[in-house]
């Protein structure tokens, strides 16, 4: 039997503590736009041409075991690091040089870690 031929991640679905604060964070840092308002489900889909985040508000959210981080390739790596500093975004490990790529891990308003990589897939 042939393996499935996955070509990309379609979207990431996240529960968030504060929907509006989370939408503002991703809009202000990454320029993500509202793609779909799902107010009946207290949800919004945001993103750009390549990345979509489906956000569902859960004010009692507790970030737990099993999820470490998700990664995004950033074309303007130095600019985004500067923007994170301007916005006082937590960067708990600073900039990491992996040899083929640099990464910075940031923390969103819900406590999710996001790895921002200079080279797609870290050059693997």
Foldseek 3Di string as FASTA:
>chain_A
DDDDDDDDDPAAEDEAQDAVLQVCQCCQLPVWDWPDDPVVQCWTWIGDPHYIYIYGYDNPDDDDPDAAAEEDEDQPVVVSVVSCVVVVWDFPPPWDDPPQWIWTWTAGPRGHIYIYIPDVVSND
